[in-house]
Every structure is written in structure tokens, then in C-alpha cells.
């Protein structure tokens, strides 16, 4: 499965930024060892259901440690038997653009 998720702390730090809390969540994902990528709006992670959901929970937990309230947006592509789709889906679209 691929999950695209965004975690939003509701409280900023003393500088008015949420960057440190978001960075802590991204660090959890990257340290998980699962294929992942981060863009301006979401972090995408690929793996088995239990692995991905455990990583999302850990990321929420680290943000919750810095903020009294956390927002989570999650979108998932659940397709058993397929892996490597984090890059393969993009490659298929790029190839279609060349046609």
C-alpha cells in the first residue's frame, strides 16, 4: 500500500513555526526504512498495511508530544501484491506524457 499523509500540529512553537514538529514526524518516516518521499503537502510511504499504519501512528505521536492537538489527513492506495509503486506510478505517467 501507499499512504499519503499530512500531520498538522495546531500549536506553533515559540517562534510561530510548526516546522520542528513536522520535521520530527518526517524523521520518524525516514528512519522507518520504508520507501518514502516528502513534498510540500504530504509525506508518502509504501509498505504493508501494519508497517505503514505503525509509522503514521508514530509520526502522529511525536507531533502530539509538541502540540495539544494534531490534525491528520490520510489517503491510501491499497493494492495487495504490488510493491515499488511509489516510483512506478510516476514513471507510468511520465512515459504517457512522452507519447
N, C-alpha and C. Protein backbone atom coordinates (compact mmCIF):
# COMPACT_ATOMS: atom_id res chain seq x y z
N UNK A 1 0.83 -1.18 0.00
CA UNK A 1 0.00 0.00 0.00
C UNK A 1 0.87 1.24 0.00
N UNK A 2 0.33 2.30 -0.54
CA UNK A 2 0.96 3.62 -0.45
C UNK A 2 0.02 4.50 0.36
N UNK A 3 0.57 5.20 1.31
CA UNK A 3 -0.21 6.17 2.07
C UNK A 3 0.41 7.54 1.89
N UNK A 4 -0.44 8.50 1.60
CA UNK A 4 -0.02 9.90 1.56
C UNK A 4 -0.67 10.54 2.78
N UNK A 5 0.14 11.16 3.62
CA UNK A 5 -0.45 11.76 4.81
C UNK A 5 0.21 13.08 5.15
N UNK A 6 -0.56 13.87 5.85
CA UNK A 6 -0.12 15.18 6.31
C UNK A 6 -0.52 15.32 7.77
N UNK A 7 0.43 15.68 8.59
CA UNK A 7 0.17 15.87 10.02
C UNK A 7 0.36 17.35 10.33
N UNK A 8 -0.63 17.92 10.99
CA UNK A 8 -0.59 19.35 11.31
C UNK A 8 -0.75 19.57 12.80
N UNK A 9 0.31 20.08 13.44
CA UNK A 9 0.16 20.47 14.83
C UNK A 9 -0.70 21.74 14.90
N UNK A 10 -1.53 21.85 15.90
CA UNK A 10 -2.38 23.04 16.00
C UNK A 10 -1.69 24.16 16.75
N UNK A 11 -0.62 23.84 17.44
CA UNK A 11 0.11 24.86 18.19
C UNK A 11 1.51 25.03 17.61
N UNK A 12 1.87 26.26 17.35
CA UNK A 12 3.21 26.56 16.85
C UNK A 12 4.19 26.65 18.03
N UNK A 13 5.48 26.57 17.72
CA UNK A 13 6.47 26.75 18.78
C UNK A 13 6.60 28.23 19.10
N UNK A 14 7.54 28.56 19.96
CA UNK A 14 7.69 29.95 20.41
C UNK A 14 8.04 30.93 19.28
N UNK A 15 8.52 30.42 18.16
CA UNK A 15 8.84 31.30 17.02
C UNK A 15 7.66 31.43 16.05
N UNK A 16 6.57 30.72 16.36
CA UNK A 16 5.41 30.77 15.47
C UNK A 16 5.47 29.76 14.34
N UNK A 17 6.39 28.81 14.44
CA UNK A 17 6.60 27.83 13.37
C UNK A 17 6.13 26.44 13.80
N UNK A 18 5.69 25.68 12.83
CA UNK A 18 5.37 24.26 13.07
C UNK A 18 6.42 23.35 12.44
N UNK A 19 7.45 23.94 11.86
CA UNK A 19 8.47 23.18 11.12
C UNK A 19 9.16 22.12 11.95
N UNK A 20 9.48 22.41 13.19
CA UNK A 20 10.20 21.43 14.02
C UNK A 20 9.34 20.20 14.29
N UNK A 21 8.06 20.41 14.58
CA UNK A 21 7.17 19.28 14.84
C UNK A 21 6.97 18.46 13.56
N UNK A 22 6.81 19.13 12.44
CA UNK A 22 6.65 18.41 11.17
C UNK A 22 7.93 17.65 10.83
N UNK A 23 9.07 18.27 11.06
CA UNK A 23 10.36 17.60 10.80
C UNK A 23 10.50 16.35 11.67
N UNK A 24 10.04 16.40 12.89
CA UNK A 24 10.10 15.23 13.76
C UNK A 24 9.27 14.08 13.18
N UNK A 25 8.11 14.41 12.62
CA UNK A 25 7.25 13.39 12.00
C UNK A 25 7.92 12.80 10.76
N UNK A 26 8.50 13.66 9.94
CA UNK A 26 9.19 13.18 8.74
C UNK A 26 10.38 12.31 9.12
N UNK A 27 11.07 12.68 10.19
CA UNK A 27 12.21 11.89 10.65
C UNK A 27 11.76 10.46 11.01
N UNK A 28 10.63 10.33 11.66
CA UNK A 28 10.09 9.01 12.01
C UNK A 28 9.90 8.18 10.74
N UNK A 29 9.31 8.80 9.72
CA UNK A 29 9.05 8.09 8.47
C UNK A 29 10.37 7.66 7.82
N UNK A 30 11.30 8.57 7.72
CA UNK A 30 12.57 8.25 7.07
C UNK A 30 13.36 7.20 7.82
N UNK A 31 13.30 7.23 9.14
CA UNK A 31 14.03 6.24 9.94
C UNK A 31 13.35 4.88 9.95
N UNK A 32 12.12 4.81 9.44
CA UNK A 32 11.39 3.53 9.41
C UNK A 32 12.01 2.55 8.43
N UNK A 33 12.72 3.06 7.43
CA UNK A 33 13.31 2.21 6.41
C UNK A 33 12.36 1.89 5.27
N UNK A 34 11.11 2.33 5.37
CA UNK A 34 10.16 2.11 4.29
C UNK A 34 10.42 3.11 3.17
N UNK A 35 10.13 2.73 1.92
CA UNK A 35 10.25 3.70 0.83
C UNK A 35 9.34 4.90 1.12
N UNK A 36 9.88 6.10 0.95
CA UNK A 36 9.09 7.29 1.26
C UNK A 36 9.59 8.48 0.46
N UNK A 37 8.77 9.50 0.43
CA UNK A 37 9.14 10.77 -0.17
C UNK A 37 8.33 11.86 0.52
N UNK A 38 8.88 13.04 0.56
CA UNK A 38 8.21 14.18 1.17
C UNK A 38 8.11 15.28 0.14
N UNK A 39 6.94 15.89 0.04
CA UNK A 39 6.78 17.04 -0.83
C UNK A 39 6.16 18.18 -0.02
N UNK A 40 5.77 19.24 -0.66
CA UNK A 40 5.30 20.42 0.04
C UNK A 40 4.00 20.19 0.82
N UNK A 41 3.23 19.19 0.43
CA UNK A 41 1.92 18.98 1.04
C UNK A 41 1.78 17.68 1.83
N UNK A 42 2.49 16.63 1.41
CA UNK A 42 2.31 15.31 2.01
C UNK A 42 3.63 14.58 2.15
N UNK A 43 3.61 13.57 2.98
CA UNK A 43 4.67 12.57 3.01
C UNK A 43 4.03 11.28 2.53
N UNK A 44 4.69 10.62 1.59
CA UNK A 44 4.21 9.36 1.03
C UNK A 44 5.10 8.25 1.56
N UNK A 45 4.47 7.15 1.92
CA UNK A 45 5.22 6.00 2.44
C UNK A 45 4.58 4.74 1.88
N UNK A 46 5.44 3.74 1.56
CA UNK A 46 4.96 2.50 0.96
C UNK A 46 5.39 1.30 1.80
N UNK A 47 4.47 0.36 1.96
CA UNK A 47 4.77 -0.86 2.70
C UNK A 47 3.50 -1.64 2.95
N UNK A 48 3.61 -2.64 3.79
CA UNK A 48 2.44 -3.42 4.19
C UNK A 48 1.58 -2.58 5.14
N UNK A 49 0.29 -2.90 5.17
CA UNK A 49 -0.68 -2.15 5.97
C UNK A 49 -0.18 -1.87 7.39
N UNK A 50 0.18 -2.94 8.12
CA UNK A 50 0.58 -2.77 9.52
C UNK A 50 1.83 -1.92 9.66
N UNK A 51 2.78 -2.07 8.74
CA UNK A 51 4.01 -1.27 8.79
C UNK A 51 3.69 0.21 8.59
N UNK A 52 2.92 0.49 7.55
CA UNK A 52 2.61 1.88 7.22
C UNK A 52 1.80 2.54 8.34
N UNK A 53 0.80 1.85 8.83
CA UNK A 53 -0.04 2.43 9.88
C UNK A 53 0.74 2.64 11.16
N UNK A 54 1.68 1.76 11.45
CA UNK A 54 2.53 1.93 12.64
C UNK A 54 3.39 3.18 12.50
N UNK A 55 3.91 3.41 11.30
CA UNK A 55 4.73 4.60 11.07
C UNK A 55 3.89 5.87 11.17
N UNK A 56 2.69 5.84 10.60
CA UNK A 56 1.80 7.01 10.70
C UNK A 56 1.49 7.29 12.16
N UNK A 57 1.20 6.27 12.94
CA UNK A 57 0.90 6.46 14.37
C UNK A 57 2.10 7.05 15.09
N UNK A 58 3.29 6.53 14.84
CA UNK A 58 4.49 7.06 15.49
C UNK A 58 4.71 8.52 15.12
N UNK A 59 4.46 8.86 13.86
CA UNK A 59 4.63 10.26 13.42
C UNK A 59 3.62 11.16 14.12
N UNK A 60 2.38 10.70 14.25
CA UNK A 60 1.38 11.48 14.98
C UNK A 60 1.80 11.64 16.43
N UNK A 61 2.29 10.58 17.03
CA UNK A 61 2.69 10.63 18.43
C UNK A 61 3.80 11.66 18.69
N UNK A 62 4.78 11.75 17.79
CA UNK A 62 5.86 12.73 18.02
C UNK A 62 5.34 14.16 17.87
N UNK A 63 4.40 14.37 16.96
CA UNK A 63 3.81 15.70 16.82
C UNK A 63 2.94 16.02 18.04
N UNK A 64 2.21 15.02 18.52
CA UNK A 64 1.36 15.21 19.70
C UNK A 64 2.17 15.56 20.94
N UNK A 65 3.43 15.14 20.97
CA UNK A 65 4.29 15.49 22.10
C UNK A 65 4.61 16.98 22.13
N UNK A 66 4.46 17.64 20.97
CA UNK A 66 4.78 19.07 20.87
C UNK A 66 3.54 19.95 20.73
N UNK A 67 2.39 19.34 20.56
CA UNK A 67 1.17 20.11 20.31
C UNK A 67 -0.01 19.45 21.01
N UNK A 68 -0.87 20.23 21.63
CA UNK A 68 -2.01 19.64 22.35
C UNK A 68 -3.08 19.06 21.43
N UNK A 69 -3.01 19.38 20.16
CA UNK A 69 -3.99 18.89 19.20
C UNK A 69 -3.30 18.68 17.86
N UNK A 70 -3.66 17.59 17.17
CA UNK A 70 -3.00 17.23 15.93
C UNK A 70 -4.05 16.92 14.87
N UNK A 71 -3.86 17.47 13.67
CA UNK A 71 -4.72 17.12 12.54
C UNK A 71 -3.99 16.14 11.65
N UNK A 72 -4.74 15.16 11.12
CA UNK A 72 -4.16 14.16 10.24
C UNK A 72 -5.05 14.01 9.01
N UNK A 73 -4.44 14.12 7.83
CA UNK A 73 -5.11 13.83 6.56
C UNK A 73 -4.39 12.61 5.99
N UNK A 74 -5.16 11.58 5.62
CA UNK A 74 -4.56 10.34 5.13
C UNK A 74 -5.31 9.86 3.89
N UNK A 75 -4.54 9.53 2.88
CA UNK A 75 -5.10 8.93 1.66
C UNK A 75 -4.27 7.68 1.38
N UNK A 76 -4.95 6.58 1.05
CA UNK A 76 -4.23 5.32 0.85
C UNK A 76 -4.63 4.65 -0.46
N UNK A 77 -3.65 4.04 -1.11
CA UNK A 77 -3.86 3.20 -2.28
C UNK A 77 -3.52 1.79 -1.82
N UNK A 78 -4.55 0.99 -1.60
CA UNK A 78 -4.37 -0.35 -1.06
C UNK A 78 -4.49 -1.34 -2.21
N UNK A 79 -3.35 -1.94 -2.57
CA UNK A 79 -3.29 -2.83 -3.73
C UNK A 79 -2.38 -4.01 -3.39
N UNK A 80 -2.93 -5.03 -2.74
CA UNK A 80 -2.11 -6.18 -2.34
C UNK A 80 -1.36 -6.80 -3.52
N UNK A 81 -0.14 -7.23 -3.23
CA UNK A 81 0.65 -7.91 -4.24
C UNK A 81 1.52 -6.99 -5.08
N UNK A 82 1.41 -5.70 -4.87
CA UNK A 82 2.22 -4.74 -5.63
C UNK A 82 3.14 -4.00 -4.69
N UNK A 83 4.38 -3.87 -5.10
CA UNK A 83 5.30 -3.00 -4.36
C UNK A 83 6.09 -2.18 -5.38
N UNK A 84 6.85 -1.25 -4.92
CA UNK A 84 7.60 -0.37 -5.83
C UNK A 84 6.72 0.63 -6.55
N UNK A 85 5.50 0.78 -6.10
CA UNK A 85 4.56 1.65 -6.81
C UNK A 85 4.77 3.12 -6.51
N UNK A 86 5.50 3.42 -5.47
CA UNK A 86 5.79 4.81 -5.14
C UNK A 86 6.48 5.51 -6.31
N UNK A 87 7.36 4.79 -6.98
CA UNK A 87 8.03 5.34 -8.16
C UNK A 87 7.39 4.87 -9.46
N UNK A 88 6.90 3.64 -9.49
CA UNK A 88 6.35 3.08 -10.73
C UNK A 88 5.14 3.86 -11.23
N UNK A 89 4.29 4.32 -10.32
CA UNK A 89 3.10 5.08 -10.74
C UNK A 89 3.51 6.37 -11.45
N UNK A 90 4.52 7.03 -10.91
CA UNK A 90 5.00 8.27 -11.51
C UNK A 90 5.67 7.98 -12.85
N UNK A 91 6.44 6.91 -12.92
CA UNK A 91 7.11 6.55 -14.18
C UNK A 91 6.09 6.28 -15.29
N UNK A 92 4.97 5.64 -14.96
CA UNK A 92 3.94 5.37 -15.96
C UNK A 92 3.33 6.67 -16.49
N UNK A 93 3.09 7.62 -15.62
CA UNK A 93 2.54 8.91 -16.06
C UNK A 93 3.56 9.66 -16.90
N UNK A 94 4.81 9.67 -16.48
CA UNK A 94 5.87 10.34 -17.25
C UNK A 94 6.00 9.72 -18.64
N UNK A 95 5.93 8.40 -18.73
CA UNK A 95 6.01 7.72 -20.04
C UNK A 95 4.83 8.11 -20.92
N UNK A 96 3.65 8.22 -20.33
CA UNK A 96 2.46 8.61 -21.10
C UNK A 96 2.58 10.04 -21.61
N UNK A 97 3.26 10.89 -20.87
CA UNK A 97 3.46 12.27 -21.30
C UNK A 97 4.38 12.36 -22.52
N UNK A 98 5.23 11.37 -22.69
CA UNK A 98 6.15 11.36 -23.83
C UNK A 98 5.49 10.87 -25.11
N UNK A 99 4.37 10.18 -24.96
CA UNK A 99 3.66 9.65 -26.15
C UNK A 99 3.00 10.74 -26.94
